[in-house]
Amino acid sequence: MNSPLQSLIQMGVVPTVTFPTDSRYYGSSTWTYIGPDGQTITYLARRFVPQPGPPNFSTVAVHTVHQGDRLDLIAAKYLGDPLMFWLIADANGAIDPDTLTETPGTTLNITTPQGVPGAANAR
């Protein structure tokens, strides 16, 4: 049995929250599971991240990690928004973003979002 709120959401009376455009979940679809007891559970569809490198990502810069670097600050420097740290994690194949800055000397590819071509002269 649905709760009254869930029924209103499903009928479109109560709007659902969408993710902001800088969220890794922006544009993600939701799926619904109806349990054996009839309870409806809405959840996010699984997010698949493309393989790092071309043609999925266009590298526009390379950052060498220094002691004390934080991924949010690196994202702010190169992408102009600390909340976009997840783009760097995706482009470098990291499941746990914190691992990218653990070891000084590690190089990180700074890329454009998937589907946005980089500049021809970017390195």
PDB file of N, CA and C in Angstrom:
ATOM      1  N   MET A   1       0.837  -1.175   0.000  1.00  0.00           N
ATOM      2  CA  MET A   1       0.000   0.000   0.000  1.00  0.00           C
ATOM      3  C   MET A   1       0.885   1.242   0.000  1.00  0.00           C
ATOM      4  N   ASN A   2       0.593   2.166  -0.866  1.00  0.00           N
ATOM      5  CA  ASN A   2       1.357   3.413  -0.935  1.00  0.00           C
ATOM      6  C   ASN A   2       0.948   4.347   0.190  1.00  0.00           C
ATOM      7  N   SER A   3       1.920   5.126   0.639  1.00  0.00           N
ATOM      8  CA  SER A   3       1.586   6.172   1.600  1.00  0.00           C
ATOM      9  C   SER A   3       0.844   7.269   0.841  1.00  0.00           C
ATOM     10  N   PRO A   4       0.087   8.103   1.539  1.00  0.00           N
ATOM     11  CA  PRO A   4      -0.600   9.201   0.844  1.00  0.00           C
ATOM     12  C   PRO A   4       0.371  10.102   0.082  1.00  0.00           C
ATOM     13  N   LEU A   5       1.550  10.366   0.666  1.00  0.00           N
ATOM     14  CA  LEU A   5       2.532  11.213  -0.013  1.00  0.00           C
ATOM     15  C   LEU A   5       3.030  10.546  -1.284  1.00  0.00           C
ATOM     16  N   GLN A   6       3.347   9.241  -1.203  1.00  0.00           N
ATOM     17  CA  GLN A   6       3.826   8.517  -2.381  1.00  0.00           C
ATOM     18  C   GLN A   6       2.772   8.538  -3.481  1.00  0.00           C
ATOM     19  N   SER A   7       1.508   8.387  -3.119  1.00  0.00           N
ATOM     20  CA  SER A   7       0.425   8.434  -4.109  1.00  0.00           C
ATOM     21  C   SER A   7       0.368   9.794  -4.793  1.00  0.00           C
ATOM     22  N   LEU A   8       0.519  10.863  -4.015  1.00  0.00           N
ATOM     23  CA  LEU A   8       0.505  12.211  -4.594  1.00  0.00           C
ATOM     24  C   LEU A   8       1.690  12.427  -5.528  1.00  0.00           C
ATOM     25  N   ILE A   9       2.861  11.903  -5.142  1.00  0.00           N
ATOM     26  CA  ILE A   9       4.046  12.025  -6.003  1.00  0.00           C
ATOM     27  C   ILE A   9       3.809  11.292  -7.312  1.00  0.00           C
ATOM     28  N   GLN A  10       3.295  10.057  -7.238  1.00  0.00           N
ATOM     29  CA  GLN A  10       3.065   9.263  -8.444  1.00  0.00           C
ATOM     30  C   GLN A  10       2.029   9.903  -9.362  1.00  0.00           C
ATOM     31  N   MET A  11       1.062  10.608  -8.796  1.00  0.00           N
ATOM     32  CA  MET A  11       0.050  11.286  -9.611  1.00  0.00           C
ATOM     33  C   MET A  11       0.564  12.608 -10.165  1.00  0.00           C
ATOM     34  N   GLY A  12       1.746  13.046  -9.720  1.00  0.00           N
ATOM     35  CA  GLY A  12       2.299  14.296 -10.202  1.00  0.00           C
ATOM     36  C   GLY A  12       1.815  15.511  -9.450  1.00  0.00           C
ATOM     37  N   VAL A  13       1.056  15.305  -8.370  1.00  0.00           N
ATOM     38  CA  VAL A  13       0.546  16.428  -7.588  1.00  0.00           C
ATOM     39  C   VAL A  13       1.677  17.081  -6.805  1.00  0.00           C
ATOM     40  N   VAL A  14       2.552  16.260  -6.227  1.00  0.00           N
ATOM     41  CA  VAL A  14       3.708  16.760  -5.486  1.00  0.00           C
ATOM     42  C   VAL A  14       4.925  16.586  -6.386  1.00  0.00           C
ATOM     43  N   PRO A  15       5.609  17.674  -6.718  1.00  0.00           N
ATOM     44  CA  PRO A  15       6.758  17.543  -7.616  1.00  0.00           C
ATOM     45  C   PRO A  15       7.905  16.788  -6.948  1.00  0.00           C
ATOM     46  N   THR A  16       8.638  16.051  -7.756  1.00  0.00           N
ATOM     47  CA  THR A  16       9.818  15.360  -7.243  1.00  0.00           C
ATOM     48  C   THR A  16      11.023  16.277  -7.375  1.00  0.00           C
ATOM     49  N   VAL A  17      12.018  16.023  -6.580  1.00  0.00           N
ATOM     50  CA  VAL A  17      13.229  16.837  -6.598  1.00  0.00           C
ATOM     51  C   VAL A  17      14.133  16.353  -7.723  1.00  0.00           C
ATOM     52  N   THR A  18      14.619  17.277  -8.504  1.00  0.00           N
ATOM     53  CA  THR A  18      15.597  16.917  -9.524  1.00  0.00           C
ATOM     54  C   THR A  18      16.966  17.339  -9.028  1.00  0.00           C
ATOM     55  N   PHE A  19      17.972  16.685  -9.548  1.00  0.00           N
ATOM     56  CA  PHE A  19      19.331  16.998  -9.130  1.00  0.00           C
ATOM     57  C   PHE A  19      19.835  18.228  -9.868  1.00  0.00           C
ATOM     58  N   PRO A  20      20.659  19.046  -9.217  1.00  0.00           N
ATOM     59  CA  PRO A  20      21.212  20.223  -9.889  1.00  0.00           C
ATOM     60  C   PRO A  20      22.128  19.803 -11.039  1.00  0.00           C
ATOM     61  N   THR A  21      22.344  20.702 -11.973  1.00  0.00           N
ATOM     62  CA  THR A  21      23.130  20.383 -13.167  1.00  0.00           C
ATOM     63  C   THR A  21      24.575  20.034 -12.858  1.00  0.00           C
ATOM     64  N   ASP A  22      25.102  20.425 -11.691  1.00  0.00           N
ATOM     65  CA  ASP A  22      26.481  20.063 -11.367  1.00  0.00           C
ATOM     66  C   ASP A  22      26.579  18.738 -10.607  1.00  0.00           C
ATOM     67  N   SER A  23      25.461  18.037 -10.475  1.00  0.00           N
ATOM     68  CA  SER A  23      25.450  16.757  -9.767  1.00  0.00           C
ATOM     69  C   SER A  23      25.784  15.613 -10.711  1.00  0.00           C
ATOM     70  N   ARG A  24      26.504  14.630 -10.204  1.00  0.00           N
ATOM     71  CA  ARG A  24      26.792  13.445 -11.017  1.00  0.00           C
ATOM     72  C   ARG A  24      25.518  12.681 -11.341  1.00  0.00           C
ATOM     73  N   TYR A  25      24.446  12.947 -10.625  1.00  0.00           N
ATOM     74  CA  TYR A  25      23.182  12.247 -10.841  1.00  0.00           C
ATOM     75  C   TYR A  25      22.193  13.040 -11.694  1.00  0.00           C
ATOM     76  N   TYR A  26      22.602  14.224 -12.174  1.00  0.00           N
ATOM     77  CA  TYR A  26      21.732  15.034 -13.023  1.00  0.00           C
ATOM     78  C   TYR A  26      21.346  14.213 -14.254  1.00  0.00           C
ATOM     79  N   GLY A  27      20.085  14.174 -14.553  1.00  0.00           N
ATOM     80  CA  GLY A  27      19.605  13.440 -15.721  1.00  0.00           C
ATOM     81  C   GLY A  27      19.410  11.952 -15.483  1.00  0.00           C
ATOM     82  N   SER A  28      19.756  11.469 -14.290  1.00  0.00           N
ATOM     83  CA  SER A  28      19.562  10.051 -13.986  1.00  0.00           C
ATOM     84  C   SER A  28      18.075   9.749 -13.874  1.00  0.00           C
ATOM     85  N   SER A  29      17.718   8.579 -14.327  1.00  0.00           N
ATOM     86  CA  SER A  29      16.322   8.182 -14.214  1.00  0.00           C
ATOM     87  C   SER A  29      16.098   7.452 -12.890  1.00  0.00           C
ATOM     88  N   THR A  30      14.848   7.347 -12.525  1.00  0.00           N
ATOM     89  CA  THR A  30      14.504   6.593 -11.326  1.00  0.00           C
ATOM     90  C   THR A  30      13.742   5.344 -11.730  1.00  0.00           C
ATOM     91  N   TRP A  31      13.887   4.320 -10.930  1.00  0.00           N
ATOM     92  CA  TRP A  31      13.158   3.076 -11.129  1.00  0.00           C
ATOM     93  C   TRP A  31      12.303   2.844  -9.902  1.00  0.00           C
ATOM     94  N   THR A  32      11.307   2.026 -10.069  1.00  0.00           N
ATOM     95  CA  THR A  32      10.410   1.723  -8.964  1.00  0.00           C
ATOM     96  C   THR A  32      10.364   0.220  -8.745  1.00  0.00           C
ATOM     97  N   TYR A  33      10.455  -0.155  -7.497  1.00  0.00           N
ATOM     98  CA  TYR A  33      10.340  -1.557  -7.097  1.00  0.00           C
ATOM     99  C   TYR A  33       9.120  -1.676  -6.196  1.00  0.00           C
ATOM    100  N   ILE A  34       8.289  -2.647  -6.480  1.00  0.00           N
ATOM    101  CA  ILE A  34       7.139  -2.909  -5.615  1.00  0.00           C
ATOM    102  C   ILE A  34       7.426  -4.207  -4.883  1.00  0.00           C
ATOM    103  N   GLY A  35       7.573  -4.098  -3.580  1.00  0.00           N
ATOM    104  CA  GLY A  35       7.917  -5.247  -2.749  1.00  0.00           C
ATOM    105  C   GLY A  35       6.761  -6.214  -2.601  1.00  0.00           C
ATOM    106  N   PRO A  36       7.060  -7.383  -2.045  1.00  0.00           N
ATOM    107  CA  PRO A  36       6.020  -8.397  -1.851  1.00  0.00           C
ATOM    108  C   PRO A  36       4.862  -7.905  -0.979  1.00  0.00           C
ATOM    109  N   ASP A  37       5.166  -6.922  -0.125  1.00  0.00           N
ATOM    110  CA  ASP A  37       4.118  -6.368   0.739  1.00  0.00           C
ATOM    111  C   ASP A  37       3.346  -5.241   0.060  1.00  0.00           C
ATOM    112  N   GLY A  38       3.708  -4.948  -1.203  1.00  0.00           N
ATOM    113  CA  GLY A  38       3.032  -3.894  -1.949  1.00  0.00           C
ATOM    114  C   GLY A  38       3.643  -2.520  -1.775  1.00  0.00           C
ATOM    115  N   GLN A  39       4.659  -2.421  -0.926  1.00  0.00           N
ATOM    116  CA  GLN A  39       5.309  -1.121  -0.700  1.00  0.00           C
ATOM    117  C   GLN A  39       6.113  -0.726  -1.938  1.00  0.00           C
ATOM    118  N   THR A  40       5.956   0.519  -2.353  1.00  0.00           N
ATOM    119  CA  THR A  40       6.678   1.039  -3.507  1.00  0.00           C
ATOM    120  C   THR A  40       7.953   1.724  -3.043  1.00  0.00           C
ATOM    121  N   ILE A  41       9.064   1.330  -3.657  1.00  0.00           N
ATOM    122  CA  ILE A  41      10.357   1.933  -3.341  1.00  0.00           C
ATOM    123  C   ILE A  41      10.911   2.519  -4.631  1.00  0.00           C
ATOM    124  N   THR A  42      11.149   3.819  -4.639  1.00  0.00           N
ATOM    125  CA  THR A  42      11.724   4.493  -5.803  1.00  0.00           C
ATOM    126  C   THR A  42      13.205   4.695  -5.548  1.00  0.00           C
ATOM    127  N   TYR A  43      14.028   4.373  -6.552  1.00  0.00           N
ATOM    128  CA  TYR A  43      15.475   4.492  -6.398  1.00  0.00           C
ATOM    129  C   TYR A  43      16.102   4.953  -7.706  1.00  0.00           C
ATOM    130  N   LEU A  44      17.342   5.419  -7.606  1.00  0.00           N
ATOM    131  CA  LEU A  44      18.067   5.878  -8.793  1.00  0.00           C
ATOM    132  C   LEU A  44      18.555   4.699  -9.618  1.00  0.00           C
ATOM    133  N   ALA A  45      18.446   4.833 -10.924  1.00  0.00           N
ATOM    134  CA  ALA A  45      19.008   3.826 -11.811  1.00  0.00           C
ATOM    135  C   ALA A  45      20.526   3.847 -11.668  1.00  0.00           C
ATOM    136  N   ARG A  46      21.148   2.717 -11.896  1.00  0.00           N
ATOM    137  CA  ARG A  46      22.599   2.627 -11.775  1.00  0.00           C
ATOM    138  C   ARG A  46      23.268   3.566 -12.772  1.00  0.00           C
ATOM    139  N   ARG A  47      24.297   4.224 -12.309  1.00  0.00           N
ATOM    140  CA  ARG A  47      25.055   5.164 -13.141  1.00  0.00           C
ATOM    141  C   ARG A  47      26.300   4.460 -13.661  1.00  0.00           C
ATOM    142  N   PHE A  48      26.411   4.346 -14.981  1.00  0.00           N
ATOM    143  CA  PHE A  48      27.582   3.729 -15.586  1.00  0.00           C
ATOM    144  C   PHE A  48      28.535   4.819 -16.047  1.00  0.00           C
ATOM    145  N   VAL A  49      29.785   4.693 -15.647  1.00  0.00           N
ATOM    146  CA  VAL A  49      30.807   5.676 -16.007  1.00  0.00           C
ATOM    147  C   VAL A  49      31.605   5.115 -17.177  1.00  0.00           C
ATOM    148  N   PRO A  50      31.795   5.899 -18.235  1.00  0.00           N
ATOM    149  CA  PRO A  50      32.564   5.410 -19.376  1.00  0.00           C
ATOM    150  C   PRO A  50      34.032   5.190 -19.019  1.00  0.00           C
ATOM    151  N   GLN A  51      34.687   4.361 -19.799  1.00  0.00           N
ATOM    152  CA  GLN A  51      36.119   4.121 -19.608  1.00  0.00           C
ATOM    153  C   GLN A  51      36.879   5.437 -19.733  1.00  0.00           C
ATOM    154  N   PRO A  52      37.890   5.654 -18.876  1.00  0.00           N
ATOM    155  CA  PRO A  52      38.712   6.870 -18.987  1.00  0.00           C
ATOM    156  C   PRO A  52      39.433   6.938 -20.331  1.00  0.00           C
ATOM    157  N   GLY A  53      39.735   8.142 -20.752  1.00  0.00           N
ATOM    158  CA  GLY A  53      40.497   8.361 -21.980  1.00  0.00           C
ATOM    159  C   GLY A  53      39.614   8.570 -23.191  1.00  0.00           C
ATOM    160  N   PRO A  54      40.281   8.839 -24.336  1.00  0.00           N
ATOM    161  CA  PRO A  54      39.544   9.062 -25.576  1.00  0.00           C
ATOM    162  C   PRO A  54      38.827   7.782 -25.989  1.00  0.00           C
ATOM    163  N   PRO A  55      37.717   7.859 -26.640  1.00  0.00           N
ATOM    164  CA  PRO A  55      36.990   9.052 -27.074  1.00  0.00           C
ATOM    165  C   PRO A  55      36.009   9.572 -26.023  1.00  0.00           C
ATOM    166  N   ASN A  56      35.962   8.936 -24.850  1.00  0.00           N
ATOM    167  CA  ASN A  56      34.968   9.310 -23.837  1.00  0.00           C
ATOM    168  C   ASN A  56      35.253  10.635 -23.150  1.00  0.00           C
ATOM    169  N   PHE A  57      36.518  10.966 -22.964  1.00  0.00           N
ATOM    170  CA  PHE A  57      36.905  12.194 -22.278  1.00  0.00           C
ATOM    171  C   PHE A  57      38.008  12.887 -23.075  1.00  0.00           C
ATOM    172  N   SER A  58      37.966  14.207 -23.131  1.00  0.00           N
ATOM    173  CA  SER A  58      39.008  14.989 -23.794  1.00  0.00           C
ATOM    174  C   SER A  58      39.841  15.681 -22.724  1.00  0.00           C
ATOM    175  N   THR A  59      41.124  15.336 -22.652  1.00  0.00           N
ATOM    176  CA  THR A  59      42.006  15.919 -21.643  1.00  0.00           C
ATOM    177  C   THR A  59      42.369  17.345 -22.031  1.00  0.00           C
ATOM    178  N   VAL A  60      42.167  18.271 -21.086  1.00  0.00           N
ATOM    179  CA  VAL A  60      42.499  19.676 -21.328  1.00  0.00           C
ATOM    180  C   VAL A  60      43.676  20.130 -20.476  1.00  0.00           C
ATOM    181  N   ALA A  61      44.013  19.353 -19.439  1.00  0.00           N
ATOM    182  CA  ALA A  61      45.155  19.678 -18.578  1.00  0.00           C
ATOM    183  C   ALA A  61      45.548  18.426 -17.811  1.00  0.00           C
ATOM    184  N   VAL A  62      46.761  18.442 -17.291  1.00  0.00           N
ATOM    185  CA  VAL A  62      47.244  17.371 -16.425  1.00  0.00           C
ATOM    186  C   VAL A  62      47.726  18.028 -15.138  1.00  0.00           C
ATOM    187  N   HIS A  63      47.293  17.492 -14.010  1.00  0.00           N
ATOM    188  CA  HIS A  63      47.676  18.037 -12.700  1.00  0.00           C
ATOM    189  C   HIS A  63      48.530  17.009 -11.976  1.00  0.00           C
ATOM    190  N   THR A  64      49.661  17.439 -11.439  1.00  0.00           N
ATOM    191  CA  THR A  64      50.491  16.579 -10.606  1.00  0.00           C
ATOM    192  C   THR A  64      50.122  16.832  -9.147  1.00  0.00           C
ATOM    193  N   VAL A  65      49.764  15.764  -8.444  1.00  0.00           N
ATOM    194  CA  VAL A  65      49.321  15.867  -7.053  1.00  0.00           C
ATOM    195  C   VAL A  65      50.490  16.241  -6.148  1.00  0.00           C
ATOM    196  N   HIS A  66      50.243  17.206  -5.260  1.00  0.00           N
ATOM    197  CA  HIS A  66      51.204  17.622  -4.237  1.00  0.00           C
ATOM    198  C   HIS A  66      50.640  17.280  -2.865  1.00  0.00           C
ATOM    199  N   GLN A  67      51.520  17.167  -1.882  1.00  0.00           N
ATOM    200  CA  GLN A  67      51.088  16.893  -0.514  1.00  0.00           C
ATOM    201  C   GLN A  67      50.024  17.916  -0.101  1.00  0.00           C
ATOM    202  N   GLY A  68      48.923  17.445   0.444  1.00  0.00           N
ATOM    203  CA  GLY A  68      47.860  18.333   0.910  1.00  0.00           C
ATOM    204  C   GLY A  68      46.830  18.703  -0.137  1.00  0.00           C
ATOM    205  N   ASP A  69      47.025  18.282  -1.396  1.00  0.00           N
ATOM    206  CA  ASP A  69      46.022  18.573  -2.429  1.00  0.00           C
ATOM    207  C   ASP A  69      44.692  17.922  -2.068  1.00  0.00           C
ATOM    208  N   ARG A  70      43.616  18.615  -2.421  1.00  0.00           N
ATOM    209  CA  ARG A  70      42.265  18.083  -2.250  1.00  0.00           C
ATOM    210  C   ARG A  70      41.563  18.147  -3.593  1.00  0.00           C
ATOM    211  N   LEU A  71      40.783  17.127  -3.876  1.00  0.00           N
ATOM    212  CA  LEU A  71      40.127  17.045  -5.178  1.00  0.00           C
ATOM    213  C   LEU A  71      39.155  18.195  -5.417  1.00  0.00           C
ATOM    214  N   ASP A  72      38.482  18.657  -4.371  1.00  0.00           N
ATOM    215  CA  ASP A  72      37.555  19.774  -4.564  1.00  0.00           C
ATOM    216  C   ASP A  72      38.298  21.050  -4.943  1.00  0.00           C
ATOM    217  N   LEU A  73      39.480  21.245  -4.368  1.00  0.00           N
ATOM    218  CA  LEU A  73      40.263  22.440  -4.706  1.00  0.00           C
ATOM    219  C   LEU A  73      40.863  22.334  -6.108  1.00  0.00           C
ATOM    220  N   ILE A  74      41.236  21.128  -6.496  1.00  0.00           N
ATOM    221  CA  ILE A  74      41.735  20.911  -7.864  1.00  0.00           C
ATOM    222  C   ILE A  74      40.607  21.191  -8.859  1.00  0.00           C
ATOM    223  N   ALA A  75      39.402  20.724  -8.547  1.00  0.00           N
ATOM    224  CA  ALA A  75      38.249  20.979  -9.422  1.00  0.00           C
ATOM    225  C   ALA A  75      37.954  22.467  -9.511  1.00  0.00           C
ATOM    226  N   ALA A  76      38.056  23.169  -8.394  1.00  0.00           N
ATOM    227  CA  ALA A  76      37.821  24.619  -8.411  1.00  0.00           C
ATOM    228  C   ALA A  76      38.845  25.315  -9.294  1.00  0.00           C
ATOM    229  N   LYS A  77      40.094  24.884  -9.212  1.00  0.00           N
ATOM    230  CA  LYS A  77      41.166  25.516  -9.990  1.00  0.00           C
ATOM    231  C   LYS A  77      40.975  25.307 -11.492  1.00  0.00           C
ATOM    232  N   TYR A  78      40.705  24.080 -11.896  1.00  0.00           N
ATOM    233  CA  TYR A  78      40.658  23.764 -13.326  1.00  0.00           C
ATOM    234  C   TYR A  78      39.260  23.856 -13.934  1.00  0.00           C
ATOM    235  N   LEU A  79      38.239  23.550 -13.146  1.00  0.00           N
ATOM    236  CA  LEU A  79      36.876  23.500 -13.684  1.00  0.00           C
ATOM    237  C   LEU A  79      36.008  24.659 -13.216  1.00  0.00           C
ATOM    238  N   GLY A  80      36.531  25.429 -12.248  1.00  0.00           N
ATOM    239  CA  GLY A  80      35.802  26.593 -11.770  1.00  0.00           C
ATOM    240  C   GLY A  80      34.707  26.288 -10.764  1.00  0.00           C
ATOM    241  N   ASP A  81      34.621  25.035 -10.308  1.00  0.00           N
ATOM    242  CA  ASP A  81      33.563  24.663  -9.367  1.00  0.00           C
ATOM    243  C   ASP A  81      34.026  23.468  -8.541  1.00  0.00           C
ATOM    244  N   PRO A  82      34.161  23.625  -7.225  1.00  0.00           N
ATOM    245  CA  PRO A  82      34.629  22.511  -6.404  1.00  0.00           C
ATOM    246  C   PRO A  82      33.670  21.321  -6.390  1.00  0.00           C
ATOM    247  N   LEU A  83      32.395  21.567  -6.668  1.00  0.00           N
ATOM    248  CA  LEU A  83      31.424  20.473  -6.673  1.00  0.00           C
ATOM    249  C   LEU A  83      31.574  19.557  -7.883  1.00  0.00           C
ATOM    250  N   MET A  84      32.389  19.956  -8.841  1.00  0.00           N
ATOM    251  CA  MET A  84      32.594  19.146 -10.043  1.00  0.00           C
ATOM    252  C   MET A  84      33.751  18.158  -9.888  1.00  0.00           C
ATOM    253  N   PHE A  85      34.208  17.934  -8.654  1.00  0.00           N
ATOM    254  CA  PHE A  85      35.307  16.996  -8.399  1.00  0.00           C
ATOM    255  C   PHE A  85      35.024  15.622  -8.993  1.00  0.00           C
ATOM    256  N   TRP A  86      33.766  15.250  -9.065  1.00  0.00           N
ATOM    257  CA  TRP A  86      33.401  13.934  -9.565  1.00  0.00           C
ATOM    258  C   TRP A  86      33.755  13.752 -11.043  1.00  0.00           C
ATOM    259  N   LEU A  87      33.825  14.861 -11.804  1.00  0.00           N
ATOM    260  CA  LEU A  87      34.255  14.752 -13.206  1.00  0.00           C
ATOM    261  C   LEU A  87      35.700  14.283 -13.288  1.00  0.00           C
ATOM    262  N   ILE A  88      36.539  14.777 -12.370  1.00  0.00           N
ATOM    263  CA  ILE A  88      37.944  14.359 -12.340  1.00  0.00           C
ATOM    264  C   ILE A  88      38.027  12.895 -11.917  1.00  0.00           C
ATOM    265  N   ALA A  89      37.213  12.508 -10.941  1.00  0.00           N
ATOM    266  CA  ALA A  89      37.194  11.107 -10.507  1.00  0.00           C
ATOM    267  C   ALA A  89      36.773  10.193 -11.658  1.00  0.00           C
ATOM    268  N   ASP A  90      35.720  10.565 -12.382  1.00  0.00           N
ATOM    269  CA  ASP A  90      35.269   9.766 -13.523  1.00  0.00           C
ATOM    270  C   ASP A  90      36.352   9.647 -14.580  1.00  0.00           C
ATOM    271  N   ALA A  91      36.982  10.761 -14.908  1.00  0.00           N
ATOM    272  CA  ALA A  91      37.977  10.788 -15.980  1.00  0.00           C
ATOM    273  C   ALA A  91      39.223   9.989 -15.633  1.00  0.00           C
ATOM    274  N   ASN A  92      39.457   9.765 -14.338  1.00  0.00           N
ATOM    275  CA  ASN A  92      40.643   9.033 -13.908  1.00  0.00           C
ATOM    276  C   ASN A  92      40.306   7.643 -13.371  1.00  0.00           C
ATOM    277  N   GLY A  93      39.082   7.209 -13.603  1.00  0.00           N
ATOM    278  CA  GLY A  93      38.678   5.851 -13.256  1.00  0.00           C
ATOM    279  C   GLY A  93      38.652   5.551 -11.770  1.00  0.00           C
ATOM    280  N   ALA A  94      38.401   6.555 -10.939  1.00  0.00           N
ATOM    281  CA  ALA A  94      38.416   6.355  -9.488  1.00  0.00           C
ATOM    282  C   ALA A  94      37.026   6.035  -8.959  1.00  0.00           C
ATOM    283  N   ILE A  95      36.934   4.961  -8.218  1.00  0.00           N
ATOM    284  CA  ILE A  95      35.688   4.650  -7.529  1.00  0.00           C
ATOM    285  C   ILE A  95      35.621   5.460  -6.244  1.00  0.00           C
ATOM    286  N   ASP A  96      36.757   5.568  -5.551  1.00  0.00           N
ATOM    287  CA  ASP A  96      36.860   6.381  -4.336  1.00  0.00           C
ATOM    288  C   ASP A  96      37.680   7.621  -4.679  1.00  0.00           C
ATOM    289  N   PRO A  97      37.046   8.784  -4.824  1.00  0.00           N
ATOM    290  CA  PRO A  97      37.761   9.991  -5.237  1.00  0.00           C
ATOM    291  C   PRO A  97      38.951  10.354  -4.352  1.00  0.00           C
ATOM    292  N   ASP A  98      38.883  10.022  -3.061  1.00  0.00           N
ATOM    293  CA  ASP A  98      39.977  10.378  -2.151  1.00  0.00           C
ATOM    294  C   ASP A  98      41.295   9.702  -2.517  1.00  0.00           C
ATOM    295  N   THR A  99      41.232   8.557  -3.193  1.00  0.00           N
ATOM    296  CA  THR A  99      42.470   7.858  -3.556  1.00  0.00           C
ATOM    297  C   THR A  99      43.289   8.642  -4.578  1.00  0.00           C
ATOM    298  N   LEU A 100      42.654   9.538  -5.315  1.00  0.00           N
ATOM    299  CA  LEU A 100      43.369  10.283  -6.355  1.00  0.00           C
ATOM    300  C   LEU A 100      44.411  11.240  -5.795  1.00  0.00           C
ATOM    301  N   THR A 101      44.235  11.701  -4.574  1.00  0.00           N
ATOM    302  CA  THR A 101      45.172  12.676  -3.999  1.00  0.00           C
ATOM    303  C   THR A 101      45.993  12.094  -2.853  1.00  0.00           C
ATOM    304  N   GLU A 102      45.954  10.791  -2.653  1.00  0.00           N
ATOM    305  CA  GLU A 102      46.704  10.160  -1.559  1.00  0.00           C
ATOM    306  C   GLU A 102      48.209  10.185  -1.772  1.00  0.00           C
ATOM    307  N   THR A 103      48.643  10.046  -3.022  1.00  0.00           N
ATOM    308  CA  THR A 103      50.065   9.891  -3.299  1.00  0.00           C
ATOM    309  C   THR A 103      50.603  11.080  -4.081  1.00  0.00           C
ATOM    310  N   PRO A 104      51.459  11.895  -3.446  1.00  0.00           N
ATOM    311  CA  PRO A 104      52.092  12.991  -4.191  1.00  0.00           C
ATOM    312  C   PRO A 104      52.844  12.442  -5.406  1.00  0.00           C
ATOM    313  N   GLY A 105      52.772  13.187  -6.499  1.00  0.00           N
ATOM    314  CA  GLY A 105      53.418  12.767  -7.736  1.00  0.00           C
ATOM    315  C   GLY A 105      52.468  12.102  -8.717  1.00  0.00           C
ATOM    316  N   THR A 106      51.306  11.681  -8.229  1.00  0.00           N
ATOM    317  CA  THR A 106      50.294  11.098  -9.110  1.00  0.00           C
ATOM    318  C   THR A 106      49.834  12.166 -10.098  1.00  0.00           C
ATOM    319  N   THR A 107      49.648  11.782 -11.358  1.00  0.00           N
ATOM    320  CA  THR A 107      49.136  12.741 -12.339  1.00  0.00           C
ATOM    321  C   THR A 107      47.655  12.468 -12.587  1.00  0.00           C
ATOM    322  N   LEU A 108      46.898  13.544 -12.663  1.00  0.00           N
ATOM    323  CA  LEU A 108      45.460  13.462 -12.900  1.00  0.00           C
ATOM    324  C   LEU A 108      45.121  14.121 -14.222  1.00  0.00           C
ATOM    325  N   ASN A 109      44.330  13.444 -15.022  1.00  0.00           N
ATOM    326  CA  ASN A 109      43.823  14.054 -16.247  1.00  0.00           C
ATOM    327  C   ASN A 109      42.634  14.933 -15.889  1.00  0.00           C
ATOM    328  N   ILE A 110      42.695  16.170 -16.313  1.00  0.00           N
ATOM    329  CA  ILE A 110      41.584  17.103 -16.152  1.00  0.00           C
ATOM    330  C   ILE A 110      40.909  17.139 -17.518  1.00  0.00           C
ATOM    331  N   THR A 111      39.636  16.782 -17.550  1.00  0.00           N
ATOM    332  CA  THR A 111      38.959  16.605 -18.832  1.00  0.00           C
ATOM    333  C   THR A 111      37.701  17.451 -18.930  1.00  0.00           C
ATOM    334  N   THR A 112      37.210  17.539 -20.137  1.00  0.00           N
ATOM    335  CA  THR A 112      35.894  18.124 -20.346  1.00  0.00           C
ATOM    336  C   THR A 112      34.869  17.025 -20.068  1.00  0.00           C
ATOM    337  N   PRO A 113      33.637  17.402 -19.762  1.00  0.00           N
ATOM    338  CA  PRO A 113      32.606  16.390 -19.541  1.00  0.00           C
ATOM    339  C   PRO A 113      32.414  15.533 -20.783  1.00  0.00           C
ATOM    340  N   GLN A 114      31.923  14.330 -20.579  1.00  0.00           N
ATOM    341  CA  GLN A 114      31.688  13.419 -21.684  1.00  0.00           C
ATOM    342  C   GLN A 114      30.806  14.084 -22.726  1.00  0.00           C
ATOM    343  N   GLY A 115      31.217  13.976 -23.982  1.00  0.00           N
ATOM    344  CA  GLY A 115      30.453  14.542 -25.078  1.00  0.00           C
ATOM    345  C   GLY A 115      30.825  15.967 -25.434  1.00  0.00           C
ATOM    346  N   VAL A 116      31.678  16.598 -24.618  1.00  0.00           N
ATOM    347  CA  VAL A 116      32.131  17.957 -24.909  1.00  0.00           C
ATOM    348  C   VAL A 116      33.563  17.857 -25.407  1.00  0.00           C
ATOM    349  N   PRO A 117      33.823  18.167 -26.676  1.00  0.00           N
ATOM    350  CA  PRO A 117      35.178  18.028 -27.192  1.00  0.00           C
ATOM    351  C   PRO A 117      36.121  19.045 -26.569  1.00  0.00           C
ATOM    352  N   GLY A 118      37.349  18.627 -26.359  1.00  0.00           N
ATOM    353  CA  GLY A 118      38.368  19.535 -25.839  1.00  0.00           C
ATOM    354  C   GLY A 118      38.962  20.361 -26.962  1.00  0.00           C
ATOM    355  N   ALA A 119      39.737  21.356 -26.595  1.00  0.00           N
ATOM    356  CA  ALA A 119      40.418  22.184 -27.589  1.00  0.00           C
ATOM    357  C   ALA A 119      41.459  21.339 -28.315  1.00  0.00           C
ATOM    358  N   ALA A 120      41.637  21.599 -29.579  1.00  0.00           N
ATOM    359  CA  ALA A 120      42.572  20.824 -30.386  1.00  0.00           C
ATOM    360  C   ALA A 120      43.998  20.924 -29.863  1.00  0.00           C
ATOM    361  N   ASN A 121      44.361  22.039 -29.233  1.00  0.00           N
ATOM    362  CA  ASN A 121      45.736  22.220 -28.766  1.00  0.00           C
ATOM    363  C   ASN A 121      45.908  21.909 -27.277  1.00  0.00           C
ATOM    364  N   ALA A 122      44.884  21.315 -26.623  1.00  0.00           N
ATOM    365  CA  ALA A 122      44.987  20.993 -25.188  1.00  0.00           C
ATOM    366  C   ALA A 122      45.954  19.839 -24.982  1.00  0.00           C
ATOM    367  N   ARG A 123      46.680  19.893 -23.871  1.00  0.00           N
ATOM    368  CA  ARG A 123      47.619  18.808 -23.544  1.00  0.00           C
ATOM    369  C   ARG A 123      47.372  18.302 -22.164  1.00  0.00           C
TER     370      ARG A 123
END
